[in-house]
Amino acid sequence: MKKRKVPHTFVIVFFIIVIAAVLTWIIQPGKYVQKQVGDETVMTFYYADQLPESVGDNKFHAEPQTWQVFSAFYKGFVKQSNIIVFILIIGGAFWIMNKSKAIDMGIHSFLKFTKRLERSPLMQKIGVNNIVIILIMLLFSLFGSVFGMSEETIAFALIIIPLAVSMGYDSIVGLCMVYVAAHIGFSGAMLNPFTIGIAQGIAEIPLFTGIGYRAVCWAILTVVGIIFVLWYANKVKKNPQSSIMYEDDAYWRKSAEIKEEELERYTPRKAWFVFAFLTAVLIVFSVLYPMTTLKIGNSETTLPLLPIGTALFILLSIVTLRKTVHYFVLTLLFATVYFLVIGVLGYDWYIMEIASLFLVLGIASGLAVDKSASDIAKLFLEGMGDILSAAVIVGLAGGIVIILQDGGIIDTILYGLSKSMSNMGKIASAEIMYGIQTLINIVIPSGSAKAAITMPIMAPFSDLIGISRQATVVAFQFGDGFTNMITPTSGVLMAALGVARIPWEKWVRFIWKFILVLVVIGALLLIPTVTMELAGF
């Protein structure tokens, strides 16, 4: 019997766009409109034919979608252009760095270090690889929880996946260590300004209150995520061919086949010039910005982080350049990560600044290994070409939301779901809120946008049924987080899968049961916010 082939990810996403277009013919378009009632802003829903004239004429135009399923591809590219450009720059920069063989040298050195640790009876019992997975996942989960790390995981996936494959795992384990960990933290966020901050601000409750219970939720979700990844990782380790990515991972295995003896240790004179130039630049910035104020939640901490980073960079660079340029390139990578965290937490960096930072990393890496400017440009283009499919799928997936928006049915779907909360008990109403947020997240993966649409409706409704607005925020953050890891409308997910070379349909086969478990745990964690006296609720 001939085995039935799963359609290409592009085909699947295109058919989802077609389904979205069909829905615009079935569901009546409508829109929520803000109204000022006394001191409060109230969201009122109108179907398209009932809209106030000013809104209908100036702000809302919707029509059933037909040929637009093709123009949605173009509009999706425009809508997701920031992520697409980010992917291309990251791809080009990392290709240059990979050609320096620094990552290969770093992985070999790390694996030698773990083998030395395995001589300890205690480490043999626990498993060094298990400790590595746990520590990396804890770090990225914390990043997701504290400052909403999301797009940044795309770049880190290119570092962690080769490491995971070299350790005997597959690309799925590598992506889980970074992307899934960060989004588990995102879902159980304690201080994420993009979800908790906006939702609590709209709900008119003190920012980042209720952090105690949310910290418990984060811990539970993170532990569950780590256990799941460890279980899967050990399964793949015992039988690599059991992985659904075994054939697809040939690319990563091939890149991991380079032996340490094949890596020549050398330090070109140009590497010292790169070091001198970057040192001068960092000293200038350290003088201009001697103190950095990190904003974490409502608290602020001011520290001399740029001077500290500069001093560490100088010290490590001198040590590594005396050994081999490969270690110097890794120092550049670690410095990039350090300044990325400072930029995000201290200077409100986003995609543009992060992409620029990685572009500098790529150019500096190329110059350090004695590549000419033309060679660096060629390698950059090769890297962009290698990762182009990831950029294309992000644009295509963005077309799904475009169709739903142009068809004017997103608010109608939300209105229909919100009506289902009528005449329900407190727990049932809270769970329905959670269900609505989860479903809405499939078509509006942006937490900030969803908070702006749903919280003005949910917050006043929670007052009517006797649920704290804090509980409504928890329902929002759980509903906003879990399905980000499976919905094709999430540009970050599709980009992460693209750089990991994991087809979306295979990812769904792997992740759907885990997402279901997270959704159930979220429902259970929501109950105490209604039934118990919790600090901040």
Protein backbone atom coordinates (compact mmCIF):
# COMPACT_ATOMS: atom_id res chain seq x y z
CA MET A 1 0.00 0.00 0.00
CA LYS A 2 1.41 3.38 -1.01
CA LYS A 3 2.17 5.61 1.96
CA ARG A 4 0.18 8.82 1.88
CA LYS A 5 2.43 11.88 1.84
CA VAL A 6 1.71 14.82 4.12
CA PRO A 7 1.33 18.05 2.12
CA HIS A 8 4.11 20.62 2.29
CA THR A 9 3.79 23.23 5.06
CA PHE A 10 3.21 25.94 2.44
CA VAL A 11 0.25 23.96 1.07
CA ILE A 12 -1.26 23.44 4.53
CA VAL A 13 -1.01 27.14 5.40
CA PHE A 14 -2.51 28.15 2.04
CA PHE A 15 -5.52 25.88 2.64
CA ILE A 16 -5.98 27.48 6.07
CA ILE A 17 -6.09 30.84 4.29
CA VAL A 18 -8.78 29.45 1.98
CA ILE A 19 -10.80 28.19 4.97
CA ALA A 20 -10.50 31.64 6.59
CA ALA A 21 -11.81 33.18 3.36
CA VAL A 22 -14.80 30.79 3.35
CA LEU A 23 -15.61 31.84 6.93
CA THR A 24 -15.87 35.47 5.82
CA TRP A 25 -18.87 34.40 3.69
CA ILE A 26 -20.51 32.55 6.58
CA ILE A 27 -19.89 34.83 9.57
CA GLN A 28 -21.42 38.29 9.60
CA PRO A 29 -18.78 41.03 9.94
CA GLY A 30 -18.82 43.30 12.97
CA LYS A 31 -16.70 45.54 15.14
CA TYR A 32 -16.20 46.52 18.75
CA VAL A 33 -16.36 50.29 19.24
CA GLN A 34 -15.04 52.21 22.25
CA LYS A 35 -17.56 54.37 24.07
CA GLN A 36 -16.93 56.73 26.96
CA VAL A 37 -19.53 56.22 29.70
CA GLY A 38 -18.73 58.59 32.55
CA ASP A 39 -15.15 57.92 33.59
CA GLU A 40 -15.07 54.44 32.04
CA THR A 41 -14.31 53.28 28.50
CA VAL A 42 -16.79 50.61 27.39
CA MET A 43 -16.47 48.33 24.35
CA THR A 44 -19.76 47.94 22.46
CA PHE A 45 -20.21 45.46 19.61
CA TYR A 46 -22.01 46.33 16.38
CA TYR A 47 -22.64 44.24 13.31
CA ALA A 48 -21.46 45.93 10.13
CA ASP A 49 -24.95 47.08 9.09
CA GLN A 50 -25.58 48.57 12.57
CA LEU A 51 -22.37 50.55 12.97
CA PRO A 52 -22.59 54.26 13.77
CA GLU A 53 -22.13 56.19 10.54
CA SER A 54 -18.79 57.77 11.50
CA VAL A 55 -17.28 54.38 12.31
CA GLY A 56 -18.71 52.66 9.25
CA ASP A 57 -17.55 55.36 6.86
CA ASN A 58 -14.09 56.08 8.24
CA LYS A 59 -12.77 53.11 10.19
CA PHE A 60 -14.39 49.88 9.10
CA HIS A 61 -14.56 48.30 5.68
CA ALA A 62 -15.14 44.56 5.43
CA GLU A 63 -16.16 42.28 2.61
CA PRO A 64 -16.22 38.53 1.94
CA GLN A 65 -12.82 37.39 0.71
CA THR A 66 -12.36 35.70 -2.70
CA TRP A 67 -9.33 36.54 -4.87
CA GLN A 68 -7.80 38.09 -1.76
CA VAL A 69 -6.51 34.64 -0.77
CA PHE A 70 -3.71 35.42 -3.24
CA SER A 71 -3.12 39.05 -2.28
CA ALA A 72 -3.01 37.90 1.37
CA PHE A 73 0.43 36.46 0.62
CA TYR A 74 1.72 39.92 -0.30
CA LYS A 75 -0.05 41.62 2.62
CA GLY A 76 1.23 38.92 4.98
CA PHE A 77 4.78 39.74 3.92
CA VAL A 78 4.14 43.44 4.57
CA LYS A 79 2.53 42.73 7.96
CA GLN A 80 5.34 40.44 9.09
CA SER A 81 8.13 42.36 7.38
CA ASN A 82 9.96 43.10 10.64
CA ILE A 83 10.21 39.40 11.53
CA ILE A 84 11.07 38.43 7.93
CA VAL A 85 13.95 40.93 7.75
CA PHE A 86 15.06 39.81 11.21
CA ILE A 87 15.20 36.18 10.05
CA LEU A 88 17.18 37.04 6.92
CA ILE A 89 19.74 39.13 8.82
CA ILE A 90 20.10 36.49 11.54
CA GLY A 91 20.49 33.79 8.88
CA GLY A 92 23.19 35.71 7.06
CA ALA A 93 25.07 36.64 10.23
CA PHE A 94 25.07 33.12 11.63
CA TRP A 95 26.15 31.65 8.31
CA ILE A 96 29.26 33.84 8.43
CA MET A 97 29.92 32.81 12.03
CA ASN A 98 29.35 29.11 11.24
CA LYS A 99 31.86 29.27 8.39
CA SER A 100 34.47 30.34 10.96
CA LYS A 101 34.04 26.86 12.56
CA ALA A 102 33.78 28.56 15.97
CA ILE A 103 30.51 26.82 16.83
CA ASP A 104 32.07 23.44 15.94
CA MET A 105 35.07 24.17 18.14
CA GLY A 106 32.81 25.29 20.97
CA ILE A 107 30.62 22.19 20.75
CA HIS A 108 33.65 19.87 20.77
CA SER A 109 35.07 21.68 23.80
CA PHE A 110 31.74 21.53 25.59
CA LEU A 111 31.30 17.81 24.90
CA LYS A 112 34.83 17.12 26.19
CA PHE A 113 33.94 19.04 29.35
CA THR A 114 30.74 17.02 29.87
CA LYS A 115 32.64 13.75 29.39
CA ARG A 116 35.03 14.78 32.17
CA LEU A 117 32.05 15.51 34.40
CA GLU A 118 30.61 12.07 33.67
CA ARG A 119 33.52 10.49 35.53
CA SER A 120 31.81 11.56 38.74
CA PRO A 121 29.48 8.80 40.09
CA LEU A 122 26.89 11.42 41.03
CA MET A 123 26.91 12.94 37.53
CA GLN A 124 26.64 9.47 36.00
CA LYS A 125 23.52 8.85 38.05
CA ILE A 126 21.88 12.21 37.26
CA GLY A 127 23.16 12.52 33.70
CA VAL A 128 25.21 15.53 32.60
CA ASN A 129 23.06 16.00 29.50
CA ASN A 130 19.95 16.13 31.68
CA ILE A 131 21.53 18.90 33.73
CA VAL A 132 22.39 20.83 30.55
CA ILE A 133 18.79 20.58 29.30
CA ILE A 134 17.37 21.63 32.69
CA LEU A 135 19.67 24.65 33.07
CA ILE A 136 19.11 25.94 29.52
CA MET A 137 15.33 25.52 29.81
CA LEU A 138 15.24 27.26 33.21
CA LEU A 139 17.19 30.19 31.78
CA PHE A 140 14.97 30.69 28.74
CA SER A 141 11.77 30.11 30.72
CA LEU A 142 12.87 32.84 33.10
CA PHE A 143 13.61 35.16 30.16
CA GLY A 144 10.12 34.51 28.78
CA SER A 145 8.52 35.12 32.16
CA VAL A 146 10.39 38.30 33.06
CA PHE A 147 10.71 40.27 29.83
CA GLY A 148 8.66 38.31 27.32
CA MET A 149 11.45 36.74 25.26
CA SER A 150 9.90 35.54 22.02
CA GLU A 151 11.42 36.69 18.72
CA GLU A 152 14.91 36.44 20.27
CA THR A 153 14.58 32.64 20.46
CA ILE A 154 14.89 32.46 16.65
CA ALA A 155 18.56 33.41 16.88
CA PHE A 156 19.31 31.20 19.88
CA ALA A 157 17.78 28.17 18.13
CA LEU A 158 20.62 28.31 15.61
CA ILE A 159 23.09 27.88 18.49
CA ILE A 160 21.30 25.29 20.66
CA ILE A 161 20.03 22.93 17.92
CA PRO A 162 23.55 21.95 16.69
CA LEU A 163 24.52 21.38 20.34
CA ALA A 164 21.46 19.17 20.94
CA VAL A 165 22.17 17.09 17.82
CA SER A 166 25.82 16.71 18.83
CA MET A 167 24.66 15.44 22.23
CA GLY A 168 22.70 12.66 20.51
CA TYR A 169 19.27 14.30 20.41
CA ASP A 170 17.27 15.78 17.54
CA SER A 171 16.33 19.26 16.33
CA ILE A 172 13.04 19.08 18.23
CA VAL A 173 14.88 18.76 21.56
CA GLY A 174 17.07 21.72 20.59
CA LEU A 175 14.06 23.87 19.72
CA CYS A 176 12.28 22.83 22.92
CA MET A 177 15.27 23.88 25.02
CA VAL A 178 14.98 27.42 23.66
CA TYR A 179 11.64 28.22 22.02
CA VAL A 180 9.29 26.00 24.09
CA ALA A 181 11.04 26.92 27.34
CA ALA A 182 10.71 30.65 26.60
CA HIS A 183 7.04 30.31 25.67
CA ILE A 184 6.25 28.27 28.76
CA GLY A 185 7.74 31.16 30.72
CA PHE A 186 5.76 33.56 28.53
CA SER A 187 2.55 31.67 29.39
CA GLY A 188 3.23 31.64 33.13
CA ALA A 189 4.66 35.15 33.06
CA MET A 190 5.44 36.93 36.30
CA LEU A 191 6.54 40.34 34.95
CA ASN A 192 6.11 40.20 31.16
CA PRO A 193 5.33 43.83 30.22
CA PHE A 194 3.85 42.84 26.83
CA THR A 195 1.11 40.68 28.35
CA ILE A 196 0.77 41.17 32.11
CA GLY A 197 1.68 44.85 32.01
CA ILE A 198 -0.76 45.76 29.21
CA ALA A 199 -3.60 43.52 30.47
CA GLN A 200 -3.39 44.83 34.04
CA GLY A 201 -3.15 48.41 32.80
CA ILE A 202 -6.34 48.02 30.73
CA ALA A 203 -8.07 46.19 33.61
CA GLU A 204 -7.13 49.15 35.85
CA ILE A 205 -5.41 47.11 38.55
CA PRO A 206 -1.94 47.88 39.99
CA LEU A 207 0.80 46.72 37.64
CA PHE A 208 2.38 43.32 38.38
CA THR A 209 0.27 42.69 41.48
CA GLY A 210 -0.56 39.03 42.17
CA ILE A 211 3.02 38.08 41.32
CA GLY A 212 3.16 35.54 44.14
CA TYR A 213 0.57 33.21 42.64
CA ARG A 214 1.84 33.77 39.12
CA ALA A 215 5.32 32.72 40.32
CA VAL A 216 3.78 29.45 41.54
CA CYS A 217 2.11 28.99 38.15
CA TRP A 218 5.41 29.67 36.35
CA ALA A 219 7.22 27.12 38.50
CA ILE A 220 4.60 24.41 37.91
CA LEU A 221 4.45 24.97 34.15
CA THR A 222 8.25 25.09 33.83
CA VAL A 223 8.71 21.85 35.78
CA VAL A 224 6.09 20.12 33.62
CA GLY A 225 7.81 21.39 30.48
CA ILE A 226 11.25 20.21 31.61
CA ILE A 227 9.92 16.76 32.53
CA PHE A 228 8.27 16.42 29.12
CA VAL A 229 11.42 17.45 27.22
CA LEU A 230 13.65 15.18 29.35
CA TRP A 231 11.30 12.25 28.68
CA TYR A 232 11.35 12.86 24.93
CA ALA A 233 15.11 13.58 24.85
CA ASN A 234 15.97 10.31 26.62
CA LYS A 235 13.66 8.42 24.26
CA VAL A 236 15.51 9.86 21.23
CA LYS A 237 18.90 9.26 22.86
CA LYS A 238 18.12 5.54 23.27
CA ASN A 239 16.76 5.18 19.74
CA PRO A 240 17.59 8.10 17.41
CA GLN A 241 15.48 6.60 14.61
CA SER A 242 12.37 6.91 16.78
CA SER A 243 12.48 10.67 16.14
CA ILE A 244 10.05 11.92 13.50
CA MET A 245 12.86 14.28 12.47
CA TYR A 246 15.50 11.57 11.97
CA GLU A 247 15.61 11.92 8.18
CA ASP A 248 15.17 15.70 8.18
CA ASP A 249 17.96 16.10 10.74
CA ALA A 250 20.54 14.81 8.24
CA TYR A 251 21.40 18.49 7.67
CA TRP A 252 22.23 19.06 11.35
CA ARG A 253 24.04 15.72 11.71
CA LYS A 254 26.20 16.52 8.71
CA SER A 255 27.20 19.86 10.20
CA ALA A 256 28.04 18.07 13.47
CA GLU A 257 30.32 15.52 11.77
CA ILE A 258 33.37 17.79 11.73
CA LYS A 259 36.05 16.24 13.95
CA GLU A 260 38.11 18.33 16.34
CA GLU A 261 41.39 17.34 14.67
CA GLU A 262 40.04 18.84 11.42
CA LEU A 263 39.82 22.26 13.08
CA GLU A 264 43.06 24.17 12.69
CA ARG A 265 43.90 26.46 15.60
CA TYR A 266 45.17 29.86 14.43
CA THR A 267 44.82 33.57 15.14
CA PRO A 268 45.20 35.97 12.17
CA ARG A 269 46.57 39.44 12.77
CA LYS A 270 43.26 40.87 11.57
CA ALA A 271 41.52 39.32 14.60
CA TRP A 272 43.59 41.56 16.89
CA PHE A 273 42.52 44.61 14.86
CA VAL A 274 38.86 43.55 15.23
CA PHE A 275 39.41 43.21 18.96
CA ALA A 276 41.04 46.65 19.18
CA PHE A 277 38.28 48.36 17.19
CA LEU A 278 35.44 46.76 19.18
CA THR A 279 37.22 47.56 22.43
CA ALA A 280 37.46 51.23 21.44
CA VAL A 281 33.75 51.30 20.53
CA LEU A 282 32.74 49.63 23.82
CA ILE A 283 34.88 52.03 25.85
CA VAL A 284 33.17 55.00 24.16
CA PHE A 285 29.71 53.56 24.96
CA SER A 286 30.82 52.79 28.52
CA VAL A 287 31.78 56.44 28.97
CA LEU A 288 28.55 57.70 27.40
CA TYR A 289 26.35 55.23 29.34
CA PRO A 290 28.27 54.46 32.56
CA MET A 291 25.11 53.34 34.38
CA THR A 292 22.23 51.25 33.04
CA THR A 293 18.82 51.06 34.68
CA LEU A 294 17.27 47.62 34.31
CA LYS A 295 13.47 47.67 34.43
CA ILE A 296 12.03 44.39 35.72
CA GLY A 297 8.34 44.70 36.48
CA ASN A 298 7.82 47.68 38.76
CA SER A 299 11.35 47.52 40.17
CA GLU A 300 14.41 49.25 38.77
CA THR A 301 18.08 48.48 39.38
CA THR A 302 20.89 50.75 38.24
CA LEU A 303 24.29 49.13 37.64
CA PRO A 304 27.46 49.87 35.59
CA LEU A 305 26.63 47.05 33.18
CA LEU A 306 28.29 48.44 30.04
CA PRO A 307 31.66 49.05 31.76
CA ILE A 308 31.45 45.57 33.34
CA GLY A 309 30.67 43.99 29.97
CA THR A 310 33.49 45.91 28.32
CA ALA A 311 36.01 44.80 30.95
CA LEU A 312 34.91 41.16 30.62
CA PHE A 313 35.10 41.36 26.83
CA ILE A 314 38.66 42.73 26.94
CA LEU A 315 39.81 40.10 29.42
CA LEU A 316 38.21 37.13 27.64
CA SER A 317 39.32 38.34 24.22
CA ILE A 318 42.98 38.57 25.22
CA VAL A 319 42.83 35.05 26.68
CA THR A 320 41.00 33.51 23.73
CA LEU A 321 42.99 35.23 20.99
CA ARG A 322 46.16 33.74 22.47
CA LYS A 323 44.62 30.27 21.98
CA THR A 324 42.69 30.39 18.69
CA VAL A 325 40.43 32.77 16.78
CA HIS A 326 37.57 30.25 17.17
CA TYR A 327 37.36 30.98 20.89
CA PHE A 328 37.49 34.72 20.15
CA VAL A 329 34.47 34.39 17.84
CA LEU A 330 32.67 32.56 20.66
CA THR A 331 33.60 35.46 22.93
CA LEU A 332 31.97 37.77 20.39
CA LEU A 333 28.85 35.57 20.56
CA PHE A 334 28.72 35.66 24.37
CA ALA A 335 29.25 39.43 24.33
CA THR A 336 26.38 39.73 21.84
CA VAL A 337 24.07 37.79 24.16
CA TYR A 338 25.18 39.89 27.15
CA PHE A 339 24.54 43.20 25.41
CA LEU A 340 21.28 41.86 23.97
CA VAL A 341 19.90 41.23 27.46
CA ILE A 342 21.08 44.67 28.65
CA GLY A 343 19.56 46.30 25.57
CA VAL A 344 16.18 44.62 26.02
CA LEU A 345 15.89 45.21 29.77
CA GLY A 346 17.66 48.54 29.99
CA TYR A 347 17.10 50.34 26.70
CA ASP A 348 13.84 48.91 25.32
CA TRP A 349 15.47 47.18 22.36
CA TYR A 350 13.32 45.23 19.95
CA ILE A 351 13.78 43.43 16.63
CA MET A 352 15.62 46.21 14.77
CA GLU A 353 18.28 46.70 17.44
CA ILE A 354 18.72 42.95 18.00
CA ALA A 355 19.10 42.30 14.26
CA SER A 356 21.67 45.10 14.03
CA LEU A 357 23.62 43.59 16.93
CA PHE A 358 23.76 40.18 15.26
CA LEU A 359 24.76 41.78 11.96
CA VAL A 360 27.77 43.30 13.74
CA LEU A 361 28.52 39.83 15.17
CA GLY A 362 28.49 38.32 11.67
CA ILE A 363 30.74 40.99 10.14
CA ALA A 364 33.17 40.94 13.09
CA SER A 365 33.35 37.12 12.93
CA GLY A 366 34.13 37.20 9.22
CA LEU A 367 36.85 39.81 9.60
CA ALA A 368 38.36 38.00 12.58
CA VAL A 369 38.92 34.81 10.57
CA ASP A 370 40.62 36.84 7.82
CA LYS A 371 37.74 36.94 5.30
CA SER A 372 37.68 39.80 2.80
CA ALA A 373 34.73 42.19 2.56
CA SER A 374 33.59 40.47 -0.65
CA ASP A 375 33.82 37.03 0.96
CA ILE A 376 31.73 38.24 3.91
CA ALA A 377 29.09 39.65 1.54
CA LYS A 378 28.93 36.35 -0.38
CA LEU A 379 28.61 34.33 2.83
CA PHE A 380 25.89 36.69 4.07
CA LEU A 381 23.88 36.14 0.88
CA GLU A 382 24.39 32.37 1.14
CA GLY A 383 23.03 32.46 4.69
CA MET A 384 20.01 34.49 3.64
CA GLY A 385 19.33 32.03 0.82
CA ASP A 386 19.70 29.07 3.16
CA ILE A 387 17.07 30.45 5.52
CA LEU A 388 14.76 31.98 2.89
CA SER A 389 12.07 29.29 3.26
CA ALA A 390 11.66 30.27 6.93
CA ALA A 391 11.05 33.88 5.91
CA VAL A 392 8.55 32.87 3.21
CA ILE A 393 6.45 30.74 5.57
CA VAL A 394 6.21 33.66 8.02
CA GLY A 395 4.80 35.88 5.29
CA LEU A 396 2.40 33.18 4.12
CA ALA A 397 1.13 32.49 7.63
CA GLY A 398 0.60 36.22 8.16
CA GLY A 399 -1.97 36.06 5.35
CA ILE A 400 -4.35 34.07 7.57
CA VAL A 401 -4.84 37.00 9.94
CA ILE A 402 -5.06 39.42 6.98
CA ILE A 403 -8.01 37.48 5.52
CA LEU A 404 -9.85 37.40 8.87
CA GLN A 405 -9.21 41.12 9.43
CA ASP A 406 -10.23 42.21 5.93
CA GLY A 407 -13.29 40.00 6.21
CA GLY A 408 -14.19 41.81 9.45
CA ILE A 409 -15.03 38.64 11.36
CA ILE A 410 -12.49 38.60 14.21
CA ASP A 411 -14.59 40.82 16.49
CA THR A 412 -17.73 38.89 15.54
CA ILE A 413 -16.08 35.63 16.62
CA LEU A 414 -15.06 37.25 19.92
CA TYR A 415 -18.58 38.62 20.49
CA GLY A 416 -20.16 35.23 19.85
CA LEU A 417 -17.79 33.54 22.27
CA SER A 418 -18.30 36.18 24.98
CA LYS A 419 -22.09 35.69 24.85
CA SER A 420 -21.54 32.08 25.93
CA MET A 421 -20.55 33.31 29.42
CA SER A 422 -24.08 34.42 30.27
CA ASN A 423 -25.76 32.72 33.26
CA MET A 424 -22.70 30.68 34.26
CA GLY A 425 -21.17 30.17 37.72
CA LYS A 426 -17.94 31.86 38.74
CA ILE A 427 -15.62 28.95 37.99
CA ALA A 428 -17.40 28.14 34.73
CA SER A 429 -17.26 31.80 33.67
CA ALA A 430 -13.55 32.03 34.44
CA GLU A 431 -12.90 28.84 32.46
CA ILE A 432 -14.97 30.14 29.54
CA MET A 433 -12.92 33.36 29.59
CA TYR A 434 -9.81 31.18 29.43
CA GLY A 435 -11.29 29.15 26.58
CA ILE A 436 -12.19 32.31 24.66
CA GLN A 437 -8.68 33.72 25.06
CA THR A 438 -7.23 30.38 23.93
CA LEU A 439 -9.39 30.27 20.81
CA ILE A 440 -8.85 33.94 19.98
CA ASN A 441 -5.10 33.39 20.30
CA ILE A 442 -5.24 31.05 17.32
CA VAL A 443 -6.24 33.95 15.06
CA ILE A 444 -4.62 36.83 17.03
CA PRO A 445 -1.30 35.52 18.38
CA SER A 446 -0.15 39.01 19.41
CA GLY A 447 -0.61 39.30 23.18
CA SER A 448 -0.62 43.10 23.12
CA ALA A 449 -3.28 43.27 20.38
CA LYS A 450 -5.43 40.64 22.08
CA ALA A 451 -5.22 42.44 25.42
CA ALA A 452 -6.38 45.66 23.75
CA ILE A 453 -9.38 43.88 22.19
CA THR A 454 -10.48 41.49 24.94
CA MET A 455 -9.62 43.06 28.30
CA PRO A 456 -12.02 46.06 27.96
CA ILE A 457 -14.79 43.43 27.54
CA MET A 458 -13.66 40.82 30.07
CA ALA A 459 -12.67 43.13 32.93
CA PRO A 460 -16.09 44.82 33.42
CA PHE A 461 -17.83 41.46 32.91
CA SER A 462 -15.77 39.93 35.73
CA ASP A 463 -17.11 42.66 38.05
CA LEU A 464 -20.69 41.70 37.19
CA ILE A 465 -20.22 38.01 38.02
CA GLY A 466 -18.04 38.53 41.10
CA ILE A 467 -14.67 37.41 39.76
CA SER A 468 -11.56 39.49 40.49
CA ARG A 469 -10.06 41.33 37.55
CA GLN A 470 -6.77 39.70 38.50
CA ALA A 471 -8.31 36.29 37.73
CA THR A 472 -9.36 37.65 34.35
CA VAL A 473 -5.74 38.64 33.68
CA VAL A 474 -4.56 35.11 34.57
CA ALA A 475 -7.15 33.67 32.16
CA PHE A 476 -5.80 36.04 29.52
CA GLN A 477 -2.13 35.16 30.04
CA PHE A 478 -2.75 31.40 29.95
CA GLY A 479 -4.99 31.72 26.91
CA ASP A 480 -2.45 33.96 25.23
CA GLY A 481 0.53 31.66 25.80
CA PHE A 482 -0.04 27.97 25.23
CA THR A 483 -1.43 27.89 21.69
CA ASN A 484 1.36 30.21 20.47
CA MET A 485 3.40 27.01 20.29
CA ILE A 486 1.13 25.40 17.69
CA THR A 487 -0.86 28.01 15.72
CA PRO A 488 0.39 28.72 12.18
CA THR A 489 -0.66 32.37 12.57
CA SER A 490 2.26 32.92 14.97
CA GLY A 491 5.07 34.47 12.98
CA VAL A 492 7.60 33.61 15.70
CA LEU A 493 6.63 29.92 15.71
CA MET A 494 6.80 29.62 11.94
CA ALA A 495 10.14 31.44 11.91
CA ALA A 496 11.56 29.22 14.66
CA LEU A 497 10.41 26.09 12.85
CA GLY A 498 11.89 27.46 9.64
CA VAL A 499 15.36 28.03 11.07
CA ALA A 500 15.17 24.63 12.83
CA ARG A 501 14.11 23.00 9.52
CA ILE A 502 11.15 21.33 11.23
CA PRO A 503 7.99 21.08 9.03
CA TRP A 504 4.95 22.51 10.78
CA GLU A 505 2.93 19.31 10.32
CA LYS A 506 5.64 17.25 12.05
CA TRP A 507 5.83 19.80 14.85
CA VAL A 508 2.07 19.50 15.37
CA ARG A 509 2.38 15.70 15.60
CA PHE A 510 5.01 16.14 18.29
CA ILE A 511 3.61 19.03 20.33
CA TRP A 512 -0.21 18.70 20.34
CA LYS A 513 -0.46 16.33 23.31
CA PHE A 514 1.85 18.51 25.36
CA ILE A 515 -0.18 21.62 24.48
CA LEU A 516 -3.31 19.78 25.60
CA VAL A 517 -1.65 18.97 28.93
CA LEU A 518 -0.66 22.63 29.38
CA VAL A 519 -4.20 23.78 28.57
CA VAL A 520 -5.62 21.40 31.21
CA ILE A 521 -3.05 22.52 33.81
CA GLY A 522 -3.92 26.13 33.01
CA ALA A 523 -7.60 25.38 33.63
CA LEU A 524 -6.76 23.82 37.01
CA LEU A 525 -4.47 26.70 38.02
CA LEU A 526 -7.27 29.14 37.22
CA ILE A 527 -9.63 27.61 39.82
CA PRO A 528 -7.78 28.93 42.93
CA THR A 529 -8.01 32.49 41.55
CA VAL A 530 -11.79 32.18 41.97
CA THR A 531 -12.14 29.97 45.06
CA MET A 532 -9.23 31.07 47.29
CA GLU A 533 -8.06 34.27 48.96
CA LEU A 534 -4.79 34.97 47.15
CA ALA A 535 -2.50 37.95 47.67
CA GLY A 536 -3.21 40.55 45.01
CA PHE A 537 -6.47 38.91 43.87
